[in-house]
């Protein structure tokens, strides 16, 4: 028997993607999956794409999860901390929620409300030194989807002194699965199709996480809901501090990374190319009029932005090949 894993919150979109990835993982054995209102339901009634997976969703409590070696928490923000506190210290945890991402309590209280639960190792392996921290940790806080998309585009440029951390502007479009699976009028097909709509303008909860992870000190972000089920495309601009080519900086930073790809000159990221994968595609240039650095970043918000990233972190935690159970390549058309 391999490494025993369980998923709490398996009825949501990220939870379903976790189940899909874990069912095909060569070293992880999926032993339990839990839900709230869907407890007692066979998994294929909730996720028909998982036909052939014989699993019934259990109740979300510590008793149903404690027998695993590793637990993924795919719960709404603010609900992970209480459950994590009830699990044995011998159980490793990767939390896909925001509960343990931020170092400071003030931004948590400002953007999420309630009490700050604490800080775990941040789960973005491509940041310098983070792979080693993840490997040594039993508790890892997975990134937010927008945070992964934007941080991968921005962090190397700030670290190299090429981009001004105090002058960053982001416009990013995300598919509807990023809003979760709960029924909401503004996410109905008839409301979304043929429409682009901004939301949480100037107050998105991922902003403090992006600043913390990327080194930015001031960041203006405009998120846009796009009429597609999955994917994020972010345009990140910053004032340059040197004449160094931003594309060359990104190429040097990610030359040995299996999941982050700086595209060839002339090719630009698009969401369909990353769909179903754990990859992030990047391209960079300098605007000929303003002189600003422009980086375009694309990834699957349920892949590298959520479930795929969580499995990548789990692979590192257990000393497995980092790419185990994960695809570098997208699905098209």
Protein backbone atom coordinates (compact mmCIF):
# COMPACT_ATOMS: atom_id res chain seq x y z
CA UNK A 1 0.00 0.00 0.00
CA UNK A 2 1.23 3.48 -0.87
CA UNK A 3 0.92 6.77 0.96
CA UNK A 4 -2.62 7.11 2.32
CA UNK A 5 -4.28 10.41 1.42
CA UNK A 6 -7.66 11.98 2.15
CA UNK A 7 -9.50 15.03 0.81
CA UNK A 8 -11.75 17.22 2.96
CA UNK A 9 -14.14 19.33 0.92
CA UNK A 10 -14.15 16.90 -2.00
CA UNK A 11 -17.50 18.03 -3.41
CA UNK A 12 -16.17 21.39 -4.69
CA UNK A 13 -14.37 22.10 -7.93
CA UNK A 14 -10.88 22.08 -6.39
CA UNK A 15 -11.79 18.99 -4.38
CA UNK A 16 -12.97 17.20 -7.50
CA UNK A 17 -9.78 18.09 -9.33
CA UNK A 18 -7.78 16.74 -6.38
CA UNK A 19 -9.69 13.46 -6.59
CA UNK A 20 -8.95 13.22 -10.32
CA UNK A 21 -5.24 13.80 -9.83
CA UNK A 22 -4.94 11.51 -6.82
CA UNK A 23 -6.82 8.67 -8.52
CA UNK A 24 -4.08 8.57 -11.14
CA UNK A 25 -1.12 9.18 -8.84
CA UNK A 26 1.46 6.36 -8.76
CA UNK A 27 2.29 6.69 -5.04
CA UNK A 28 -0.78 8.13 -3.33
CA UNK A 29 -3.70 5.89 -2.31
CA UNK A 30 -6.96 7.78 -1.94
CA UNK A 31 -8.55 6.34 1.22
CA UNK A 32 -11.18 8.94 2.14
CA UNK A 33 -13.01 11.96 0.79
CA UNK A 34 -15.44 14.11 2.78
CA UNK A 35 -18.10 16.74 2.18
CA UNK A 36 -20.75 18.66 4.10
CA UNK A 37 -24.18 18.61 2.46
CA UNK A 38 -23.07 15.92 0.00
CA UNK A 39 -21.92 13.49 2.72
CA UNK A 40 -23.28 10.01 2.04
CA UNK A 41 -23.34 10.61 -1.72
CA UNK A 42 -21.36 8.46 -4.15
CA UNK A 43 -18.59 10.53 -5.69
CA UNK A 44 -19.82 9.99 -9.26
CA UNK A 45 -23.13 11.65 -8.42
CA UNK A 46 -21.18 14.82 -7.59
CA UNK A 47 -18.29 14.45 -10.06
CA UNK A 48 -19.51 12.40 -13.06
CA UNK A 49 -16.11 12.82 -14.71
CA UNK A 50 -14.75 10.37 -12.10
CA UNK A 51 -16.76 7.37 -13.35
CA UNK A 52 -14.96 4.21 -12.20
CA UNK A 53 -13.82 5.70 -8.88
CA UNK A 54 -15.69 3.70 -6.22
CA UNK A 55 -15.88 6.14 -3.33
CA UNK A 56 -18.64 7.48 -1.10
CA UNK A 57 -18.22 10.94 0.42
CA UNK A 58 -18.07 10.89 4.22
CA UNK A 59 -18.78 13.55 6.80
CA UNK A 60 -16.12 16.21 7.27
CA UNK A 61 -14.68 15.45 10.69
CA UNK A 62 -11.33 14.48 12.13
CA UNK A 63 -12.39 10.87 12.74
CA UNK A 64 -12.84 10.21 9.04
CA UNK A 65 -9.49 11.78 8.12
CA UNK A 66 -7.11 10.77 10.91
CA UNK A 67 -6.17 7.43 9.34
CA UNK A 68 -4.46 9.13 6.41
CA UNK A 69 -0.78 9.99 6.12
CA UNK A 70 -1.69 13.20 4.29
CA UNK A 71 -4.86 15.29 4.27
CA UNK A 72 -5.75 17.91 1.68
CA UNK A 73 -8.11 20.58 3.01
CA UNK A 74 -10.21 22.01 0.18
CA UNK A 75 -12.58 23.95 2.42
CA UNK A 76 -13.96 27.52 2.24
CA UNK A 77 -11.69 30.22 3.64
CA UNK A 78 -11.81 30.33 7.42
CA UNK A 79 -12.85 26.70 7.90
CA UNK A 80 -9.51 24.88 7.73
CA UNK A 81 -7.98 25.93 11.04
CA UNK A 82 -10.56 24.27 13.30
CA UNK A 83 -10.35 20.94 11.47
CA UNK A 84 -6.55 21.03 11.22
CA UNK A 85 -6.29 21.51 14.99
CA UNK A 86 -8.15 18.24 15.51
CA UNK A 87 -5.90 16.12 13.29
CA UNK A 88 -2.91 14.23 14.79
CA UNK A 89 0.48 15.88 14.45
CA UNK A 90 1.65 12.78 12.57
CA UNK A 91 -0.71 13.63 9.68
CA UNK A 92 0.76 15.95 7.07
CA UNK A 93 -1.61 18.64 5.76
CA UNK A 94 -1.82 20.76 2.63
CA UNK A 95 -4.44 23.50 3.00
CA UNK A 96 -5.92 24.87 -0.24
CA UNK A 97 -7.72 27.63 1.67
CA UNK A 98 -6.35 30.97 2.80
CA UNK A 99 -6.30 30.31 6.56
CA UNK A 100 -2.53 29.95 6.96
CA UNK A 101 -1.07 31.86 3.98
CA UNK A 102 -0.51 35.29 5.52
CA UNK A 103 2.25 36.11 8.00
CA UNK A 104 0.47 39.14 9.47
CA UNK A 105 -2.88 39.18 11.21
CA UNK A 106 -3.87 42.69 10.09
CA UNK A 107 -4.36 41.94 6.37
CA UNK A 108 -6.18 38.71 7.21
CA UNK A 109 -8.66 40.58 9.39
CA UNK A 110 -9.02 43.33 6.76
CA UNK A 111 -9.67 41.09 3.77
CA UNK A 112 -11.19 37.95 5.30
CA UNK A 113 -12.49 38.96 8.74
CA UNK A 114 -12.28 36.93 11.93
CA UNK A 115 -9.17 35.83 13.80
CA UNK A 116 -5.90 35.00 12.10
CA UNK A 117 -5.17 31.29 12.59
CA UNK A 118 -1.38 31.47 12.15
CA UNK A 119 1.15 30.90 9.40
CA UNK A 120 2.28 27.72 7.66
CA UNK A 121 5.00 27.17 5.07
CA UNK A 122 3.92 28.86 1.84
CA UNK A 123 3.35 26.37 -0.96
CA UNK A 124 4.88 27.91 -4.08
CA UNK A 125 7.94 25.71 -4.80
CA UNK A 126 9.32 27.94 -7.55
CA UNK A 127 10.12 30.77 -5.14
CA UNK A 128 13.77 30.74 -4.00
CA UNK A 129 14.25 28.55 -0.93
CA UNK A 130 10.62 27.48 -0.73
CA UNK A 131 11.17 23.99 -2.11
CA UNK A 132 13.47 23.19 0.81
CA UNK A 133 11.01 24.69 3.31
CA UNK A 134 8.15 22.62 1.90
CA UNK A 135 10.22 19.45 2.06
CA UNK A 136 10.92 20.05 5.76
CA UNK A 137 7.30 20.89 6.64
CA UNK A 138 4.31 18.88 7.82
CA UNK A 139 1.93 21.81 7.31
CA UNK A 140 1.80 23.70 3.99
CA UNK A 141 -0.48 26.56 2.91
CA UNK A 142 -1.24 26.25 -0.80
CA UNK A 143 -1.28 29.45 -2.86
CA UNK A 144 -4.35 31.26 -4.08
CA UNK A 145 -5.03 30.94 -7.80
CA UNK A 146 -4.54 34.63 -8.65
CA UNK A 147 -1.55 34.70 -6.31
CA UNK A 148 0.21 31.87 -8.17
CA UNK A 149 -0.47 33.45 -11.57
CA UNK A 150 0.79 36.89 -10.63
CA UNK A 151 3.62 35.96 -8.27
CA UNK A 152 5.26 33.70 -10.85
CA UNK A 153 5.19 36.62 -13.31
CA UNK A 154 6.44 39.25 -10.88
CA UNK A 155 8.66 37.83 -8.12
CA UNK A 156 11.86 37.23 -10.17
CA UNK A 157 11.71 40.76 -11.61
CA UNK A 158 11.43 42.38 -8.18
CA UNK A 159 14.10 40.10 -6.71
CA UNK A 160 16.49 41.04 -9.53
CA UNK A 161 15.88 44.76 -9.01
CA UNK A 162 14.43 45.10 -12.50
CA UNK A 163 10.84 46.02 -11.55
CA UNK A 164 9.73 48.69 -9.09
CA UNK A 165 7.93 46.93 -6.21
CA UNK A 166 6.01 50.13 -5.46
CA UNK A 167 4.43 50.46 -8.92
CA UNK A 168 2.62 47.27 -9.99
CA UNK A 169 -0.70 47.14 -11.85
CA UNK A 170 -2.56 43.92 -12.64
CA UNK A 171 -5.63 43.16 -14.74
CA UNK A 172 -6.53 39.47 -14.59
CA UNK A 173 -9.41 37.41 -15.98
CA UNK A 174 -10.57 34.21 -14.30
CA UNK A 175 -13.01 31.45 -15.16
CA UNK A 176 -16.15 30.85 -13.13
CA UNK A 177 -14.83 27.81 -11.24
CA UNK A 178 -12.65 30.22 -9.26
CA UNK A 179 -15.79 31.43 -7.50
CA UNK A 180 -16.59 27.96 -6.16
CA UNK A 181 -19.50 25.60 -6.75
CA UNK A 182 -22.21 27.22 -4.63
CA UNK A 183 -25.24 28.39 -6.59
CA UNK A 184 -25.02 32.14 -7.25
CA UNK A 185 -27.18 34.18 -9.62
CA UNK A 186 -24.28 36.08 -11.17
CA UNK A 187 -22.60 32.77 -12.09
CA UNK A 188 -25.55 31.32 -13.99
CA UNK A 189 -24.73 30.47 -17.59
CA UNK A 190 -27.22 33.01 -18.91
CA UNK A 191 -25.55 35.71 -16.79
CA UNK A 192 -21.95 34.85 -17.65
CA UNK A 193 -22.01 33.89 -21.31
CA UNK A 194 -21.13 36.73 -23.65
CA UNK A 195 -20.08 38.95 -20.76
CA UNK A 196 -16.99 40.22 -18.97
CA UNK A 197 -17.49 41.76 -15.54
CA UNK A 198 -15.04 43.19 -13.00
CA UNK A 199 -15.46 42.30 -9.35
CA UNK A 200 -13.83 43.14 -6.01
CA UNK A 201 -12.09 46.00 -7.78
CA UNK A 202 -9.42 47.51 -5.54
CA UNK A 203 -10.16 45.06 -2.72
CA UNK A 204 -9.43 41.50 -3.80
CA UNK A 205 -8.41 39.19 -0.95
CA UNK A 206 -5.38 37.84 -2.80
CA UNK A 207 -3.63 41.25 -2.86
CA UNK A 208 -1.84 40.91 0.52
CA UNK A 209 -0.79 37.36 -0.36
CA UNK A 210 0.62 38.50 -3.72
CA UNK A 211 2.52 41.34 -2.06
CA UNK A 212 3.93 39.00 0.58
CA UNK A 213 5.03 36.37 -1.96
CA UNK A 214 6.28 38.63 -4.75
CA UNK A 215 7.95 41.42 -2.79
CA UNK A 216 5.61 44.10 -4.19
CA UNK A 217 4.87 46.95 -1.79
CA UNK A 218 2.02 48.53 -3.76
CA UNK A 219 -0.28 46.63 -6.10
CA UNK A 220 -3.43 47.70 -7.93
CA UNK A 221 -5.48 44.70 -9.07
CA UNK A 222 -8.60 44.51 -11.20
CA UNK A 223 -10.07 40.98 -11.42
CA UNK A 224 -12.45 40.16 -14.28
CA UNK A 225 -14.93 37.28 -14.44
CA UNK A 226 -14.63 35.63 -17.85
CA UNK A 227 -17.17 33.36 -19.61
CA UNK A 228 -15.13 30.16 -19.32
CA UNK A 229 -15.15 27.38 -16.71
CA UNK A 230 -11.46 27.40 -15.82
CA UNK A 231 -8.25 29.33 -16.40
CA UNK A 232 -6.61 32.64 -15.46
CA UNK A 233 -4.91 35.16 -17.73
CA UNK A 234 -3.09 37.98 -15.93
CA UNK A 235 -1.45 41.05 -17.44
CA UNK A 236 1.11 42.34 -14.94
CA UNK A 237 2.80 45.69 -15.54
CA UNK A 238 5.49 47.46 -13.51
CA UNK A 239 7.76 50.46 -13.77
CA UNK A 240 11.28 49.35 -14.80
CA UNK A 241 14.28 50.18 -12.62
CA UNK A 242 16.93 49.02 -15.09
CA UNK A 243 17.25 48.42 -18.82
CA UNK A 244 17.62 44.65 -18.34
CA UNK A 245 15.36 42.52 -20.53
CA UNK A 246 12.54 41.19 -18.29
CA UNK A 247 12.14 38.12 -20.46
CA UNK A 248 15.77 37.16 -19.87
CA UNK A 249 15.26 37.52 -16.11
CA UNK A 250 12.27 35.17 -16.20
CA UNK A 251 14.12 32.68 -18.39
CA UNK A 252 17.02 32.55 -15.94
CA UNK A 253 14.70 32.17 -12.95
CA UNK A 254 12.71 29.28 -14.41
CA UNK A 255 15.27 27.53 -16.61
CA UNK A 256 15.15 24.35 -14.51
CA UNK A 257 11.50 24.45 -13.48
CA UNK A 258 9.30 21.69 -14.93
CA UNK A 259 6.03 23.58 -14.65
CA UNK A 260 6.88 27.20 -15.50
CA UNK A 261 7.53 27.96 -19.15
CA UNK A 262 8.71 31.24 -20.66
CA UNK A 263 7.35 30.98 -24.18
CA UNK A 264 9.41 31.59 -27.33
CA UNK A 265 9.58 35.13 -28.67
CA UNK A 266 6.36 36.10 -30.39
CA UNK A 267 4.19 33.53 -28.58
CA UNK A 268 1.78 34.74 -25.91
CA UNK A 269 0.09 32.76 -23.14
CA UNK A 270 -3.55 31.80 -23.42
CA UNK A 271 -5.69 29.88 -20.99
CA UNK A 272 -6.66 26.94 -23.21
CA UNK A 273 -3.01 25.95 -23.58
CA UNK A 274 -2.70 25.35 -19.82
CA UNK A 275 -6.09 23.72 -19.24
CA UNK A 276 -5.84 20.43 -17.34
CA UNK A 277 -2.12 20.92 -16.64
CA UNK A 278 0.02 22.04 -13.73
CA UNK A 279 1.91 24.50 -15.92
CA UNK A 280 2.18 28.27 -15.97
CA UNK A 281 3.00 30.00 -19.27
CA UNK A 282 4.77 33.37 -19.27
CA UNK A 283 5.81 35.98 -21.79
CA UNK A 284 7.36 39.40 -21.18
CA UNK A 285 8.15 42.55 -23.09
CA UNK A 286 8.58 46.30 -22.61
CA UNK A 287 5.78 48.58 -23.77
CA UNK A 288 7.12 50.72 -26.62
CA UNK A 289 5.11 53.78 -25.57
CA UNK A 290 5.15 53.83 -21.76
CA UNK A 291 8.37 51.88 -21.24
CA UNK A 292 6.62 49.74 -18.62
CA UNK A 293 7.42 46.07 -18.15
CA UNK A 294 4.56 43.86 -19.32
CA UNK A 295 4.30 40.19 -18.30
CA UNK A 296 1.40 38.00 -19.37
CA UNK A 297 0.82 34.86 -17.30
CA UNK A 298 -1.65 32.00 -17.83
CA UNK A 299 -2.47 28.90 -15.81
CA UNK A 300 -5.35 26.60 -14.93
CA UNK A 301 -6.88 27.96 -11.72
CA UNK A 302 -7.84 24.40 -10.68
CA UNK A 303 -4.40 23.05 -11.67
CA UNK A 304 -1.33 25.12 -10.87
CA UNK A 305 -3.68 27.54 -9.10
CA UNK A 306 -5.12 24.94 -6.71
CA UNK A 307 -5.19 21.13 -6.86
CA UNK A 308 -2.15 20.59 -9.06
CA UNK A 309 -0.06 22.91 -6.93
CA UNK A 310 -1.23 21.07 -3.81
CA UNK A 311 -0.17 17.71 -5.25
CA UNK A 312 3.17 19.22 -6.30
CA UNK A 313 3.74 20.36 -2.72
CA UNK A 314 2.70 16.95 -1.37
CA UNK A 315 5.18 15.24 -3.68
CA UNK A 316 7.94 17.41 -2.25
CA UNK A 317 6.83 16.76 1.34
CA UNK A 318 7.12 13.01 0.83
CA UNK A 319 10.36 13.09 -1.17
CA UNK A 320 8.68 11.96 -4.40
CA UNK A 321 9.54 13.18 -7.89
CA UNK A 322 7.93 16.59 -8.09
CA UNK A 323 6.09 15.82 -11.32
CA UNK A 324 4.49 12.57 -10.05
CA UNK A 325 0.82 12.37 -11.01
CA UNK A 326 0.91 15.78 -12.74
CA UNK A 327 0.85 16.79 -16.39
CA UNK A 328 3.11 19.44 -17.83
CA UNK A 329 0.96 19.58 -20.96
CA UNK A 330 -2.44 21.18 -21.41
CA UNK A 331 -5.50 19.73 -23.14
CA UNK A 332 -6.62 21.31 -26.41
CA UNK A 333 -8.85 22.18 -28.09
